[in-house]
Amino acid sequence: MGRNIMKEYERLLSNNREWAESVHSADPGFFDRLANQQRPRFLWIGCSDSRVPANQITGLMPGEVFVHRNVANVVAETDFNVLAVLQYAVDVLKVKHVIICGHYGCGGVTAALENFRHGMIDNWLSGIRALRRQHREEIDSLPADAACDRLCELNVLAQAKHAAHTTIFEDAWERGQELAIHSWIYRLDNGIINPLAPPITAPLEES
């Protein structure tokens, strides 16, 4: 392993020790509390983009938000990974808020707009490509950057609906569990999150 590569990952370990020491100094009981319970009220389903860290942009501490991330914040009804996270969050952790958060300038959405192959990722993005076809008239009327941003918004709204249509949410609402799905989008150039629609708090009509 090259010397520079060693230094890169050693820096992470050094940063971790410094962080742990600073947290312990400020709050000696923090890690004991963190190790003994996990009762987050929020599930965050976001993009894997390293510029969108859930805890930091919402000002939450570790243990306050349960997080799942993938390319372009997709909630696919055939993805057992995201379904397992949803069921654990809803049925076991009893979160009250599920946040689907995309971001403007998303590389996955950009790839879905492009007319050439990217490899295996194209299979993952097929649902976003279908969404682009569904809204072709609106998307094609916009300049390239605006088209990408609009598809980012439409993608968040679609993924929130996908989540609402799972049996996980339908069963939770049927038994009277308090649960809301939020559709949010984050702007990288100013750090602000904007809601795109009112929260979904009950089963949706078939669509």
N, C-alpha and C. Protein backbone atom coordinates (compact mmCIF):
# COMPACT_ATOMS: atom_id res chain seq x y z
N MET A 1 0.85 -1.19 0.00
CA MET A 1 0.00 0.00 0.00
C MET A 1 0.89 1.24 0.00
N GLY A 2 0.62 2.20 -0.89
CA GLY A 2 1.45 3.38 -1.02
C GLY A 2 1.43 4.25 0.22
N ARG A 3 2.52 5.01 0.39
CA ARG A 3 2.67 5.86 1.58
C ARG A 3 1.56 6.91 1.66
N ASN A 4 1.19 7.51 0.51
CA ASN A 4 0.16 8.55 0.53
C ASN A 4 -1.20 7.98 0.92
N ILE A 5 -1.50 6.76 0.43
CA ILE A 5 -2.77 6.12 0.78
C ILE A 5 -2.82 5.85 2.28
N MET A 6 -1.71 5.39 2.84
CA MET A 6 -1.64 5.15 4.28
C MET A 6 -1.93 6.43 5.05
N LYS A 7 -1.35 7.52 4.62
CA LYS A 7 -1.55 8.79 5.31
C LYS A 7 -3.00 9.23 5.24
N GLU A 8 -3.67 8.97 4.11
CA GLU A 8 -5.06 9.38 3.96
C GLU A 8 -5.95 8.72 4.99
N TYR A 9 -5.84 7.41 5.14
CA TYR A 9 -6.76 6.77 6.07
C TYR A 9 -6.29 6.94 7.52
N GLU A 10 -4.99 7.11 7.75
CA GLU A 10 -4.51 7.37 9.11
C GLU A 10 -5.04 8.72 9.61
N ARG A 11 -5.22 9.67 8.69
CA ARG A 11 -5.77 10.97 9.07
C ARG A 11 -7.19 10.82 9.61
N LEU A 12 -7.97 9.89 9.01
CA LEU A 12 -9.32 9.66 9.50
C LEU A 12 -9.31 9.12 10.92
N LEU A 13 -8.40 8.18 11.20
CA LEU A 13 -8.32 7.62 12.54
C LEU A 13 -7.88 8.67 13.55
N SER A 14 -6.96 9.52 13.14
CA SER A 14 -6.52 10.61 14.01
C SER A 14 -7.65 11.59 14.28
N ASN A 15 -8.39 11.94 13.22
CA ASN A 15 -9.54 12.83 13.39
C ASN A 15 -10.57 12.24 14.34
N ASN A 16 -10.78 10.92 14.22
CA ASN A 16 -11.75 10.24 15.08
C ASN A 16 -11.35 10.34 16.55
N ARG A 17 -10.08 10.12 16.84
CA ARG A 17 -9.63 10.19 18.24
C ARG A 17 -9.80 11.61 18.79
N GLU A 18 -9.45 12.59 17.96
CA GLU A 18 -9.61 13.98 18.41
C GLU A 18 -11.07 14.32 18.65
N TRP A 19 -11.95 13.84 17.75
CA TRP A 19 -13.38 14.09 17.91
C TRP A 19 -13.91 13.44 19.18
N ALA A 20 -13.55 12.17 19.41
CA ALA A 20 -14.02 11.44 20.59
C ALA A 20 -13.56 12.13 21.87
N GLU A 21 -12.32 12.58 21.87
CA GLU A 21 -11.80 13.26 23.06
C GLU A 21 -12.51 14.58 23.32
N SER A 22 -12.80 15.32 22.23
CA SER A 22 -13.46 16.61 22.41
C SER A 22 -14.90 16.44 22.89
N VAL A 23 -15.59 15.42 22.35
CA VAL A 23 -16.96 15.16 22.79
C VAL A 23 -16.98 14.73 24.25
N HIS A 24 -16.07 13.84 24.62
CA HIS A 24 -16.00 13.37 26.01
C HIS A 24 -15.69 14.51 26.97
N SER A 25 -14.80 15.41 26.55
CA SER A 25 -14.46 16.55 27.41
C SER A 25 -15.66 17.45 27.63
N ALA A 26 -16.43 17.67 26.57
CA ALA A 26 -17.59 18.55 26.67
C ALA A 26 -18.76 17.89 27.41
N ASP A 27 -18.88 16.56 27.28
CA ASP A 27 -20.00 15.83 27.87
C ASP A 27 -19.53 14.42 28.23
N PRO A 28 -18.98 14.23 29.43
CA PRO A 28 -18.40 12.93 29.81
C PRO A 28 -19.36 11.75 29.71
N GLY A 29 -20.66 11.97 29.80
CA GLY A 29 -21.61 10.85 29.74
C GLY A 29 -22.17 10.58 28.37
N PHE A 30 -21.70 11.32 27.35
CA PHE A 30 -22.30 11.23 26.02
C PHE A 30 -22.23 9.82 25.46
N PHE A 31 -21.07 9.20 25.44
CA PHE A 31 -20.92 7.90 24.80
C PHE A 31 -21.61 6.79 25.58
N ASP A 32 -21.69 6.92 26.90
CA ASP A 32 -22.44 5.93 27.68
C ASP A 32 -23.91 5.97 27.31
N ARG A 33 -24.47 7.17 27.19
CA ARG A 33 -25.88 7.28 26.80
C ARG A 33 -26.09 6.77 25.39
N LEU A 34 -25.16 7.09 24.49
CA LEU A 34 -25.29 6.69 23.10
C LEU A 34 -25.23 5.17 22.95
N ALA A 35 -24.36 4.53 23.73
CA ALA A 35 -24.19 3.08 23.63
C ALA A 35 -25.38 2.31 24.18
N ASN A 36 -26.12 2.91 25.09
CA ASN A 36 -27.17 2.18 25.79
C ASN A 36 -28.57 2.36 25.21
N GLN A 37 -28.73 3.23 24.22
CA GLN A 37 -30.06 3.38 23.65
C GLN A 37 -29.99 3.99 22.26
N GLN A 38 -30.97 3.63 21.44
CA GLN A 38 -31.16 4.27 20.15
C GLN A 38 -32.65 4.49 19.99
N ARG A 39 -33.07 5.73 20.16
CA ARG A 39 -34.49 6.05 20.05
C ARG A 39 -34.70 7.27 19.15
N PRO A 40 -34.25 7.18 17.92
CA PRO A 40 -34.44 8.32 17.03
C PRO A 40 -35.90 8.50 16.65
N ARG A 41 -36.28 9.74 16.46
CA ARG A 41 -37.64 10.04 16.01
C ARG A 41 -37.70 10.22 14.49
N PHE A 42 -36.53 10.21 13.86
CA PHE A 42 -36.45 10.50 12.43
C PHE A 42 -35.72 9.39 11.68
N LEU A 43 -36.25 9.03 10.52
CA LEU A 43 -35.52 8.22 9.54
C LEU A 43 -35.22 9.12 8.35
N TRP A 44 -33.97 9.16 7.95
CA TRP A 44 -33.52 9.98 6.82
C TRP A 44 -33.16 9.06 5.67
N ILE A 45 -33.82 9.21 4.54
CA ILE A 45 -33.43 8.49 3.34
C ILE A 45 -32.90 9.52 2.36
N GLY A 46 -31.60 9.50 2.16
CA GLY A 46 -30.96 10.54 1.37
C GLY A 46 -30.02 9.97 0.33
N CYS A 47 -29.39 10.87 -0.39
CA CYS A 47 -28.44 10.49 -1.43
C CYS A 47 -27.09 10.14 -0.80
N SER A 48 -26.36 9.27 -1.47
CA SER A 48 -25.02 8.89 -0.99
C SER A 48 -23.99 10.00 -1.14
N ASP A 49 -24.34 11.07 -1.82
CA ASP A 49 -23.42 12.19 -2.04
C ASP A 49 -22.80 12.64 -0.71
N SER A 50 -21.48 12.70 -0.68
CA SER A 50 -20.77 13.02 0.57
C SER A 50 -21.00 14.44 1.04
N ARG A 51 -21.59 15.29 0.19
CA ARG A 51 -21.85 16.68 0.57
C ARG A 51 -23.18 16.87 1.29
N VAL A 52 -23.90 15.77 1.54
CA VAL A 52 -25.22 15.87 2.16
C VAL A 52 -25.29 14.97 3.40
N PRO A 53 -24.54 15.30 4.45
CA PRO A 53 -24.57 14.49 5.68
C PRO A 53 -25.77 14.83 6.53
N ALA A 54 -26.61 13.87 6.80
CA ALA A 54 -27.90 14.11 7.45
C ALA A 54 -27.77 14.81 8.80
N ASN A 55 -26.92 14.29 9.68
CA ASN A 55 -26.81 14.88 11.01
C ASN A 55 -26.37 16.34 10.97
N GLN A 56 -25.36 16.61 10.16
CA GLN A 56 -24.80 17.96 10.15
C GLN A 56 -25.76 18.99 9.60
N ILE A 57 -26.43 18.68 8.50
CA ILE A 57 -27.27 19.72 7.89
C ILE A 57 -28.58 19.92 8.63
N THR A 58 -28.93 18.99 9.51
CA THR A 58 -30.13 19.17 10.34
C THR A 58 -29.78 19.55 11.77
N GLY A 59 -28.51 19.62 12.10
CA GLY A 59 -28.09 20.00 13.45
C GLY A 59 -28.42 18.97 14.51
N LEU A 60 -28.49 17.69 14.11
CA LEU A 60 -28.82 16.62 15.05
C LEU A 60 -27.56 15.88 15.50
N MET A 61 -27.59 15.37 16.70
CA MET A 61 -26.47 14.62 17.25
C MET A 61 -26.58 13.14 16.85
N PRO A 62 -25.47 12.39 16.93
CA PRO A 62 -25.56 10.94 16.70
C PRO A 62 -26.61 10.32 17.63
N GLY A 63 -27.39 9.39 17.09
CA GLY A 63 -28.45 8.76 17.87
C GLY A 63 -29.81 9.40 17.68
N GLU A 64 -29.84 10.59 17.06
CA GLU A 64 -31.12 11.29 16.89
C GLU A 64 -31.77 11.04 15.54
N VAL A 65 -31.01 10.50 14.59
CA VAL A 65 -31.58 10.24 13.27
C VAL A 65 -31.03 8.91 12.75
N PHE A 66 -31.93 8.06 12.28
CA PHE A 66 -31.59 6.78 11.66
C PHE A 66 -31.43 7.06 10.17
N VAL A 67 -30.36 6.58 9.55
CA VAL A 67 -30.01 7.04 8.20
C VAL A 67 -29.86 5.88 7.22
N HIS A 68 -30.45 6.07 6.04
CA HIS A 68 -30.21 5.18 4.90
C HIS A 68 -29.88 6.06 3.71
N ARG A 69 -28.82 5.72 2.98
CA ARG A 69 -28.42 6.52 1.83
C ARG A 69 -28.13 5.62 0.65
N ASN A 70 -28.50 6.08 -0.53
CA ASN A 70 -28.13 5.39 -1.76
C ASN A 70 -28.06 6.42 -2.88
N VAL A 71 -27.61 6.01 -4.04
CA VAL A 71 -27.48 6.93 -5.17
C VAL A 71 -28.86 7.46 -5.57
N ALA A 72 -29.03 8.76 -5.49
CA ALA A 72 -30.26 9.46 -5.90
C ALA A 72 -31.45 9.20 -4.99
N ASN A 73 -31.19 8.84 -3.72
CA ASN A 73 -32.24 8.67 -2.70
C ASN A 73 -33.48 7.93 -3.24
N VAL A 74 -33.24 6.73 -3.74
CA VAL A 74 -34.31 5.93 -4.35
C VAL A 74 -34.98 5.03 -3.31
N VAL A 75 -36.30 4.98 -3.34
CA VAL A 75 -37.07 4.03 -2.54
C VAL A 75 -37.76 3.10 -3.53
N ALA A 76 -37.10 1.99 -3.83
CA ALA A 76 -37.63 1.03 -4.81
C ALA A 76 -38.33 -0.10 -4.06
N GLU A 77 -39.53 -0.41 -4.49
CA GLU A 77 -40.32 -1.45 -3.82
C GLU A 77 -39.68 -2.83 -3.95
N THR A 78 -38.69 -2.96 -4.83
CA THR A 78 -38.00 -4.24 -5.00
C THR A 78 -36.64 -4.27 -4.30
N ASP A 79 -36.28 -3.20 -3.61
CA ASP A 79 -34.97 -3.10 -2.94
C ASP A 79 -35.12 -3.55 -1.49
N PHE A 80 -34.67 -4.76 -1.19
CA PHE A 80 -34.83 -5.29 0.16
C PHE A 80 -33.98 -4.53 1.18
N ASN A 81 -32.95 -3.88 0.74
CA ASN A 81 -32.13 -3.08 1.65
C ASN A 81 -32.96 -1.93 2.23
N VAL A 82 -33.54 -1.12 1.35
CA VAL A 82 -34.32 0.02 1.84
C VAL A 82 -35.59 -0.45 2.55
N LEU A 83 -36.19 -1.54 2.10
CA LEU A 83 -37.39 -2.05 2.77
C LEU A 83 -37.07 -2.53 4.19
N ALA A 84 -35.91 -3.15 4.36
CA ALA A 84 -35.50 -3.60 5.70
C ALA A 84 -35.29 -2.40 6.63
N VAL A 85 -34.68 -1.35 6.09
CA VAL A 85 -34.47 -0.14 6.88
C VAL A 85 -35.81 0.49 7.26
N LEU A 86 -36.72 0.59 6.29
CA LEU A 86 -38.04 1.15 6.56
C LEU A 86 -38.78 0.36 7.64
N GLN A 87 -38.77 -0.96 7.50
CA GLN A 87 -39.52 -1.76 8.46
C GLN A 87 -38.91 -1.66 9.86
N TYR A 88 -37.59 -1.70 9.95
CA TYR A 88 -36.94 -1.58 11.26
C TYR A 88 -37.25 -0.23 11.89
N ALA A 89 -37.16 0.83 11.08
CA ALA A 89 -37.42 2.17 11.60
C ALA A 89 -38.86 2.35 12.06
N VAL A 90 -39.79 1.85 11.26
CA VAL A 90 -41.21 2.05 11.55
C VAL A 90 -41.70 1.09 12.63
N ASP A 91 -41.39 -0.20 12.49
CA ASP A 91 -41.96 -1.21 13.38
C ASP A 91 -41.19 -1.39 14.68
N VAL A 92 -39.87 -1.20 14.66
CA VAL A 92 -39.06 -1.44 15.85
C VAL A 92 -38.70 -0.13 16.56
N LEU A 93 -38.10 0.80 15.81
CA LEU A 93 -37.71 2.07 16.42
C LEU A 93 -38.88 3.01 16.65
N LYS A 94 -39.97 2.79 15.91
CA LYS A 94 -41.17 3.62 16.03
C LYS A 94 -40.88 5.10 15.73
N VAL A 95 -40.12 5.34 14.66
CA VAL A 95 -39.88 6.72 14.27
C VAL A 95 -41.21 7.38 13.93
N LYS A 96 -41.25 8.69 14.06
CA LYS A 96 -42.48 9.42 13.74
C LYS A 96 -42.37 10.18 12.42
N HIS A 97 -41.15 10.37 11.94
CA HIS A 97 -40.94 11.14 10.72
C HIS A 97 -39.97 10.39 9.80
N VAL A 98 -40.38 10.20 8.56
CA VAL A 98 -39.50 9.63 7.54
C VAL A 98 -39.26 10.73 6.52
N ILE A 99 -38.00 11.09 6.35
CA ILE A 99 -37.64 12.20 5.48
C ILE A 99 -36.95 11.66 4.23
N ILE A 100 -37.56 11.90 3.08
CA ILE A 100 -36.90 11.61 1.80
C ILE A 100 -36.26 12.92 1.36
N CYS A 101 -34.93 12.96 1.35
CA CYS A 101 -34.25 14.22 1.04
C CYS A 101 -33.31 14.04 -0.15
N GLY A 102 -33.63 14.74 -1.22
CA GLY A 102 -32.73 14.79 -2.36
C GLY A 102 -31.93 16.07 -2.34
N HIS A 103 -31.17 16.31 -3.37
CA HIS A 103 -30.44 17.57 -3.45
C HIS A 103 -30.32 18.00 -4.91
N TYR A 104 -30.29 19.30 -5.11
CA TYR A 104 -30.13 19.84 -6.45
C TYR A 104 -28.74 19.49 -6.97
N GLY A 105 -28.65 19.29 -8.28
CA GLY A 105 -27.38 18.92 -8.89
C GLY A 105 -26.97 17.48 -8.62
N CYS A 106 -27.92 16.62 -8.32
CA CYS A 106 -27.63 15.22 -8.00
C CYS A 106 -27.00 14.51 -9.21
N GLY A 107 -25.85 13.87 -8.99
CA GLY A 107 -25.16 13.18 -10.08
C GLY A 107 -25.96 12.02 -10.63
N GLY A 108 -26.70 11.31 -9.77
CA GLY A 108 -27.52 10.21 -10.24
C GLY A 108 -28.63 10.68 -11.14
N VAL A 109 -29.27 11.77 -10.77
CA VAL A 109 -30.35 12.33 -11.61
C VAL A 109 -29.77 12.84 -12.92
N THR A 110 -28.60 13.49 -12.85
CA THR A 110 -27.94 13.95 -14.07
C THR A 110 -27.67 12.78 -15.01
N ALA A 111 -27.19 11.67 -14.45
CA ALA A 111 -26.92 10.49 -15.27
C ALA A 111 -28.18 9.95 -15.91
N ALA A 112 -29.30 10.03 -15.18
CA ALA A 112 -30.58 9.56 -15.73
C ALA A 112 -31.06 10.43 -16.89
N LEU A 113 -30.60 11.66 -16.94
CA LEU A 113 -30.98 12.57 -18.01
C LEU A 113 -30.12 12.40 -19.26
N GLU A 114 -28.94 11.81 -19.09
CA GLU A 114 -28.00 11.73 -20.21
C GLU A 114 -28.34 10.59 -21.16
N ASN A 115 -27.99 10.77 -22.42
CA ASN A 115 -28.35 9.80 -23.46
C ASN A 115 -27.22 8.86 -23.82
N PHE A 116 -26.49 8.38 -22.82
CA PHE A 116 -25.49 7.36 -23.07
C PHE A 116 -25.38 6.45 -21.86
N ARG A 117 -24.79 5.30 -22.07
CA ARG A 117 -24.74 4.28 -21.03
C ARG A 117 -23.65 4.58 -20.00
N HIS A 118 -23.97 4.29 -18.72
CA HIS A 118 -23.01 4.49 -17.64
C HIS A 118 -22.59 3.16 -17.01
N GLY A 119 -23.19 2.06 -17.44
CA GLY A 119 -22.89 0.77 -16.84
C GLY A 119 -24.02 0.30 -15.95
N MET A 120 -23.68 -0.46 -14.91
CA MET A 120 -24.68 -1.07 -14.05
C MET A 120 -25.58 -0.04 -13.38
N ILE A 121 -25.06 1.16 -13.11
CA ILE A 121 -25.85 2.18 -12.45
C ILE A 121 -27.12 2.51 -13.24
N ASP A 122 -27.10 2.29 -14.56
CA ASP A 122 -28.29 2.58 -15.36
C ASP A 122 -29.49 1.75 -14.90
N ASN A 123 -29.24 0.53 -14.44
CA ASN A 123 -30.33 -0.30 -13.93
C ASN A 123 -30.94 0.32 -12.67
N TRP A 124 -30.09 0.84 -11.79
CA TRP A 124 -30.55 1.47 -10.56
C TRP A 124 -31.37 2.73 -10.86
N LEU A 125 -30.97 3.44 -11.92
CA LEU A 125 -31.60 4.71 -12.25
C LEU A 125 -32.79 4.57 -13.21
N SER A 126 -33.19 3.35 -13.50
CA SER A 126 -34.25 3.15 -14.50
C SER A 126 -35.55 3.81 -14.09
N GLY A 127 -35.86 3.81 -12.81
CA GLY A 127 -37.08 4.45 -12.36
C GLY A 127 -37.06 5.96 -12.57
N ILE A 128 -35.88 6.56 -12.41
CA ILE A 128 -35.76 8.00 -12.62
C ILE A 128 -35.84 8.30 -14.11
N ARG A 129 -35.30 7.42 -14.94
CA ARG A 129 -35.44 7.59 -16.39
C ARG A 129 -36.92 7.53 -16.79
N ALA A 130 -37.67 6.61 -16.18
CA ALA A 130 -39.10 6.51 -16.46
C ALA A 130 -39.83 7.77 -16.02
N LEU A 131 -39.42 8.32 -14.89
CA LEU A 131 -40.01 9.56 -14.39
C LEU A 131 -39.73 10.71 -15.36
N ARG A 132 -38.53 10.72 -15.91
CA ARG A 132 -38.17 11.75 -16.90
C ARG A 132 -39.07 11.64 -18.14
N ARG A 133 -39.33 10.41 -18.59
CA ARG A 133 -40.21 10.21 -19.74
C ARG A 133 -41.63 10.65 -19.42
N GLN A 134 -42.07 10.37 -18.20
CA GLN A 134 -43.42 10.73 -17.77
C GLN A 134 -43.62 12.25 -17.79
N HIS A 135 -42.55 12.99 -17.51
CA HIS A 135 -42.63 14.46 -17.45
C HIS A 135 -41.81 15.09 -18.58
N ARG A 136 -41.73 14.38 -19.71
CA ARG A 136 -40.88 14.82 -20.81
C ARG A 136 -41.19 16.25 -21.26
N GLU A 137 -42.46 16.57 -21.41
CA GLU A 137 -42.82 17.90 -21.94
C GLU A 137 -42.30 19.01 -21.03
N GLU A 138 -42.51 18.85 -19.73
CA GLU A 138 -42.03 19.87 -18.79
C GLU A 138 -40.50 19.92 -18.76
N ILE A 139 -39.87 18.76 -18.66
CA ILE A 139 -38.40 18.71 -18.56
C ILE A 139 -37.74 19.28 -19.81
N ASP A 140 -38.25 18.92 -20.98
CA ASP A 140 -37.63 19.36 -22.23
C ASP A 140 -37.80 20.86 -22.48
N SER A 141 -38.74 21.49 -21.79
CA SER A 141 -38.97 22.93 -21.99
C SER A 141 -37.99 23.78 -21.18
N LEU A 142 -37.18 23.13 -20.33
CA LEU A 142 -36.29 23.87 -19.43
C LEU A 142 -34.84 23.83 -19.89
N PRO A 143 -34.04 24.84 -19.53
CA PRO A 143 -32.60 24.77 -19.76
C PRO A 143 -32.01 23.59 -18.99
N ALA A 144 -30.82 23.15 -19.39
CA ALA A 144 -30.23 21.91 -18.85
C ALA A 144 -30.17 21.89 -17.33
N ASP A 145 -29.63 22.95 -16.71
CA ASP A 145 -29.49 22.96 -15.25
C ASP A 145 -30.85 22.94 -14.57
N ALA A 146 -31.78 23.72 -15.09
CA ALA A 146 -33.12 23.78 -14.52
C ALA A 146 -33.84 22.45 -14.71
N ALA A 147 -33.60 21.79 -15.83
CA ALA A 147 -34.22 20.49 -16.09
C ALA A 147 -33.75 19.46 -15.06
N CYS A 148 -32.45 19.47 -14.80
CA CYS A 148 -31.90 18.55 -13.80
C CYS A 148 -32.49 18.83 -12.42
N ASP A 149 -32.55 20.10 -12.05
CA ASP A 149 -33.09 20.45 -10.73
C ASP A 149 -34.56 20.06 -10.61
N ARG A 150 -35.32 20.25 -11.68
CA ARG A 150 -36.74 19.88 -11.63
C ARG A 150 -36.90 18.37 -11.51
N LEU A 151 -36.06 17.62 -12.22
CA LEU A 151 -36.14 16.17 -12.10
C LEU A 151 -35.71 15.71 -10.70
N CYS A 152 -34.78 16.43 -10.08
CA CYS A 152 -34.41 16.13 -8.69
C CYS A 152 -35.63 16.28 -7.78
N GLU A 153 -36.41 17.34 -8.00
CA GLU A 153 -37.62 17.56 -7.20
C GLU A 153 -38.66 16.47 -7.47
N LEU A 154 -38.90 16.18 -8.73
CA LEU A 154 -39.88 15.16 -9.08
C LEU A 154 -39.49 13.80 -8.52
N ASN A 155 -38.20 13.52 -8.50
CA ASN A 155 -37.71 12.26 -7.97
C ASN A 155 -38.01 12.13 -6.47
N VAL A 156 -37.76 13.19 -5.71
CA VAL A 156 -38.06 13.16 -4.28
C VAL A 156 -39.55 12.88 -4.06
N LEU A 157 -40.39 13.60 -4.78
CA LEU A 157 -41.84 13.42 -4.63
C LEU A 157 -42.28 12.00 -4.98
N ALA A 158 -41.67 11.45 -6.03
CA ALA A 158 -42.01 10.08 -6.44
C ALA A 158 -41.56 9.07 -5.40
N GLN A 159 -40.37 9.25 -4.84
CA GLN A 159 -39.86 8.30 -3.84
C GLN A 159 -40.69 8.35 -2.56
N ALA A 160 -41.18 9.52 -2.20
CA ALA A 160 -42.06 9.62 -1.03
C ALA A 160 -43.35 8.83 -1.26
N LYS A 161 -43.89 8.91 -2.46
CA LYS A 161 -45.09 8.14 -2.79
C LYS A 161 -44.80 6.64 -2.79
N HIS A 162 -43.63 6.27 -3.30
CA HIS A 162 -43.26 4.85 -3.27
C HIS A 162 -43.26 4.34 -1.83
N ALA A 163 -42.67 5.12 -0.92
CA ALA A 163 -42.63 4.71 0.48
C ALA A 163 -44.05 4.58 1.04
N ALA A 164 -44.90 5.55 0.73
CA ALA A 164 -46.26 5.54 1.26
C ALA A 164 -47.06 4.34 0.78
N HIS A 165 -46.72 3.83 -0.41
CA HIS A 165 -47.46 2.70 -0.97
C HIS A 165 -46.96 1.34 -0.47
N THR A 166 -45.89 1.32 0.32
CA THR A 166 -45.43 0.03 0.84
C THR A 166 -46.38 -0.46 1.93
N THR A 167 -46.42 -1.76 2.11
CA THR A 167 -47.26 -2.32 3.17
C THR A 167 -46.77 -1.90 4.55
N ILE A 168 -45.49 -1.54 4.64
CA ILE A 168 -44.92 -1.10 5.92
C ILE A 168 -45.68 0.12 6.43
N PHE A 169 -45.87 1.10 5.56
CA PHE A 169 -46.57 2.32 5.96
C PHE A 169 -48.08 2.10 6.03
N GLU A 170 -48.61 1.39 5.06
CA GLU A 170 -50.06 1.16 5.07
C GLU A 170 -50.49 0.44 6.34
N ASP A 171 -49.70 -0.57 6.76
CA ASP A 171 -50.03 -1.30 7.98
C ASP A 171 -49.87 -0.42 9.22
N ALA A 172 -48.83 0.41 9.23
CA ALA A 172 -48.61 1.30 10.38
C ALA A 172 -49.77 2.28 10.53
N TRP A 173 -50.19 2.88 9.42
CA TRP A 173 -51.31 3.82 9.50
C TRP A 173 -52.61 3.11 9.89
N GLU A 174 -52.78 1.89 9.40
CA GLU A 174 -54.01 1.14 9.72
C GLU A 174 -54.11 0.87 11.21
N ARG A 175 -52.98 0.62 11.85
CA ARG A 175 -53.02 0.36 13.30
C ARG A 175 -52.95 1.65 14.12
N GLY A 176 -53.01 2.80 13.45
CA GLY A 176 -53.09 4.07 14.15
C GLY A 176 -51.76 4.67 14.55
N GLN A 177 -50.67 4.16 13.99
CA GLN A 177 -49.34 4.69 14.34
C GLN A 177 -49.16 6.09 13.74
N GLU A 178 -48.64 6.99 14.55
CA GLU A 178 -48.38 8.36 14.09
C GLU A 178 -47.11 8.36 13.26
N LEU A 179 -47.25 8.70 11.98
CA LEU A 179 -46.13 8.56 11.05
C LEU A 179 -46.31 9.50 9.87
N ALA A 180 -45.28 10.28 9.58
CA ALA A 180 -45.35 11.24 8.48
C ALA A 180 -44.15 11.05 7.54
N ILE A 181 -44.42 11.17 6.24
CA ILE A 181 -43.36 11.11 5.23
C ILE A 181 -43.16 12.52 4.68
N HIS A 182 -41.92 12.99 4.74
CA HIS A 182 -41.60 14.35 4.31
C HIS A 182 -40.79 14.31 3.01
N SER A 183 -41.09 15.22 2.11
CA SER A 183 -40.39 15.34 0.83
C SER A 183 -39.56 16.63 0.86
N TRP A 184 -38.25 16.47 1.03
CA TRP A 184 -37.37 17.63 1.17
C TRP A 184 -36.30 17.63 0.08
N ILE A 185 -35.79 18.82 -0.20
CA ILE A 185 -34.64 18.93 -1.11
C ILE A 185 -33.65 19.94 -0.56
N TYR A 186 -32.39 19.64 -0.75
CA TYR A 186 -31.29 20.41 -0.17
C TYR A 186 -30.52 21.11 -1.28
N ARG A 187 -30.20 22.39 -1.02
CA ARG A 187 -29.43 23.14 -2.01
C ARG A 187 -27.99 23.25 -1.53
N LEU A 188 -27.08 22.71 -2.34
CA LEU A 188 -25.67 22.65 -1.94
C LEU A 188 -25.04 24.04 -1.82
N ASP A 189 -25.48 24.99 -2.63
CA ASP A 189 -24.78 26.28 -2.66
C ASP A 189 -25.19 27.23 -1.54
N ASN A 190 -26.22 26.87 -0.76
CA ASN A 190 -26.53 27.72 0.40
C ASN A 190 -26.83 26.93 1.66
N GLY A 191 -26.86 25.60 1.56
CA GLY A 191 -27.05 24.77 2.74
C GLY A 191 -28.47 24.71 3.27
N ILE A 192 -29.45 25.16 2.47
CA ILE A 192 -30.83 25.23 2.95
C ILE A 192 -31.66 24.06 2.44
N ILE A 193 -32.47 23.51 3.34
CA ILE A 193 -33.43 22.46 3.00
C ILE A 193 -34.80 23.10 2.75
N ASN A 194 -35.46 22.69 1.69
CA ASN A 194 -36.81 23.18 1.41
C ASN A 194 -37.79 22.01 1.28
N PRO A 195 -38.93 22.07 1.96
CA PRO A 195 -39.98 21.07 1.75
C PRO A 195 -40.61 21.27 0.38
N LEU A 196 -40.92 20.16 -0.30
CA LEU A 196 -41.51 20.23 -1.63
C LEU A 196 -43.02 20.01 -1.63
N ALA A 197 -43.52 19.45 -0.57
CA ALA A 197 -44.96 19.15 -0.50
C ALA A 197 -45.33 18.96 0.97
N PRO A 198 -46.63 19.05 1.30
CA PRO A 198 -47.04 18.75 2.68
C PRO A 198 -46.69 17.29 3.03
N PRO A 199 -46.46 17.01 4.29
CA PRO A 199 -46.17 15.62 4.69
C PRO A 199 -47.29 14.68 4.33
N ILE A 200 -46.95 13.44 4.03
CA ILE A 200 -47.94 12.38 3.80
C ILE A 200 -48.17 11.70 5.14
N THR A 201 -49.39 11.73 5.64
CA THR A 201 -49.68 11.20 6.97
C THR A 201 -50.78 10.13 6.96
N ALA A 202 -51.17 9.69 5.77
CA ALA A 202 -52.23 8.67 5.64
C ALA A 202 -52.07 7.98 4.30
N PRO A 203 -52.68 6.81 4.14
CA PRO A 203 -52.56 6.10 2.86
C PRO A 203 -52.98 6.96 1.67
N LEU A 204 -52.30 6.81 0.56
CA LEU A 204 -52.60 7.56 -0.66
C LEU A 204 -53.60 6.79 -1.51
N GLU A 205 -54.34 7.53 -2.29
CA GLU A 205 -55.18 6.89 -3.30
C GLU A 205 -54.27 6.23 -4.32
N GLU A 206 -54.71 5.14 -4.91
CA GLU A 206 -53.92 4.45 -5.93
C GLU A 206 -53.66 5.40 -7.10
N SER A 207 -52.39 5.42 -7.53
CA SER A 207 -52.03 6.28 -8.67
C SER A 207 -50.85 5.70 -9.41
